[in-house]
Protein backbone atom coordinates (compact mmCIF):
# COMPACT_ATOMS: atom_id res chain seq x y z
CA MET A 1 127.48 99.82 102.64
CA ALA A 2 125.60 98.00 99.80
CA TYR A 3 126.32 94.81 98.31
CA VAL A 4 124.90 91.69 96.60
CA ASP A 5 125.48 88.36 98.41
CA PHE A 6 126.30 85.07 96.63
CA GLN A 7 122.43 84.53 96.30
CA ASN A 8 122.11 87.57 94.30
CA ARG A 9 120.23 89.16 97.19
CA PHE A 10 120.72 92.98 97.31
CA LYS A 11 121.55 94.30 100.85
CA VAL A 12 122.56 97.18 102.82
CA PHE A 13 124.16 98.01 106.16
CA TYR A 14 122.67 101.37 107.19
CA ASN A 15 122.34 102.85 110.46
CA GLY A 16 123.50 99.99 112.37
CA LYS A 17 120.99 97.66 110.73
CA LEU A 18 121.11 95.26 108.05
CA PHE A 19 118.23 95.59 105.12
CA GLU A 20 117.78 92.97 102.62
CA LEU A 21 116.24 95.14 99.71
CA GLN A 22 115.37 92.90 96.83
CA ASP A 23 116.45 89.43 95.20
CA ALA A 24 117.91 91.08 92.12
CA VAL A 25 121.01 93.51 91.38
CA PRO A 26 120.02 97.10 91.10
CA THR A 27 120.78 98.92 87.94
CA GLN A 28 122.06 102.13 89.80
CA ILE A 29 122.85 102.87 93.31
CA GLY A 30 123.46 106.34 95.11
CA ASN A 31 124.21 107.38 98.85
CA SER A 32 125.14 110.54 100.61
CA ASP A 33 125.35 111.26 104.51
CA TYR A 34 121.98 110.65 105.17
CA LEU A 35 120.25 109.05 102.27
CA PHE A 36 120.39 105.84 100.32
CA GLY A 37 118.75 105.39 97.20
CA TYR A 38 118.37 102.99 94.29
CA MET A 39 117.10 102.24 91.18
CA TYR A 40 115.66 98.87 89.84
CA PHE A 41 115.05 99.61 85.97
CA ARG A 42 112.72 102.82 86.25
CA ASN A 43 111.77 101.81 90.09
CA LEU A 44 113.25 104.56 92.05
CA LYS A 45 113.40 103.12 95.99
CA ILE A 46 114.99 105.26 98.85
CA LEU A 47 115.78 104.27 102.33
CA TRP A 48 114.86 106.96 104.66
CA ASN A 49 114.54 106.62 108.68
CA ASN A 50 114.89 102.81 108.68
CA LYS A 51 112.24 102.31 105.89
CA ILE A 52 112.61 101.26 102.33
CA GLU A 53 109.85 103.16 100.00
CA THR A 54 109.21 102.70 96.03
CA TYR A 55 108.91 106.81 95.20
CA ASP A 56 108.26 106.52 91.54
CA THR A 57 107.76 103.52 89.20
CA TRP A 58 108.73 105.30 85.78
CA SER A 59 111.76 107.64 86.53
CA TYR A 60 114.52 108.50 84.66
CA ARG A 61 117.69 110.72 84.61
CA THR A 62 118.17 109.92 88.34
CA GLN A 63 121.08 111.94 90.02
CA PHE A 64 122.18 111.14 93.31
CA GLY A 65 123.59 114.06 95.19
CA ASP A 66 124.43 115.56 98.76
CA SER A 67 121.83 114.11 100.83
CA MET A 68 119.00 114.45 97.88
CA ILE A 69 117.91 112.77 94.82
CA ALA A 70 116.41 114.25 91.75
CA TYR A 71 114.70 112.73 88.70
CA ILE A 72 112.32 113.12 85.90
CA ASP A 73 109.09 111.25 86.42
CA TYR A 74 106.72 109.87 83.37
CA LEU A 75 105.03 113.26 82.89
CA ASN A 76 108.40 114.73 82.30
CA ALA A 77 108.22 116.81 85.91
CA MET A 78 111.29 117.10 87.80
CA LYS A 79 111.19 115.77 91.49
CA VAL A 80 113.65 116.10 94.44
CA PHE A 81 113.77 113.99 97.62
CA GLN A 82 115.41 115.96 100.24
CA ASN A 83 114.89 115.61 104.16
CA GLY A 84 112.33 113.11 104.02
CA ALA A 85 110.09 114.95 101.54
CA LEU A 86 109.43 114.55 97.70
CA THR A 87 108.73 118.04 95.96
CA THR A 88 107.91 118.82 92.31
CA VAL A 89 110.46 121.31 91.10
CA GLU A 90 109.58 121.90 87.50
CA THR A 91 106.78 120.62 85.32
């Protein structure tokens, strides 16, 4: 469950733990069974195995699907995050 509290802090309850992700409202959110990700402008951040990481700082056309996230990076390459791994699908 993701939410923004009264102090404008973006938080998510994931896998039995509460994570404070940032002090701003995300521009896009996506989740599925085993994966949670969000965008803050062009920054793609993914919560996986109880860790939040920035996977790209210039991504667009981001799509959240069945335990996967697909997007286009600044070099116009299509990338997919699935099962903890980021793969370039097409360049």
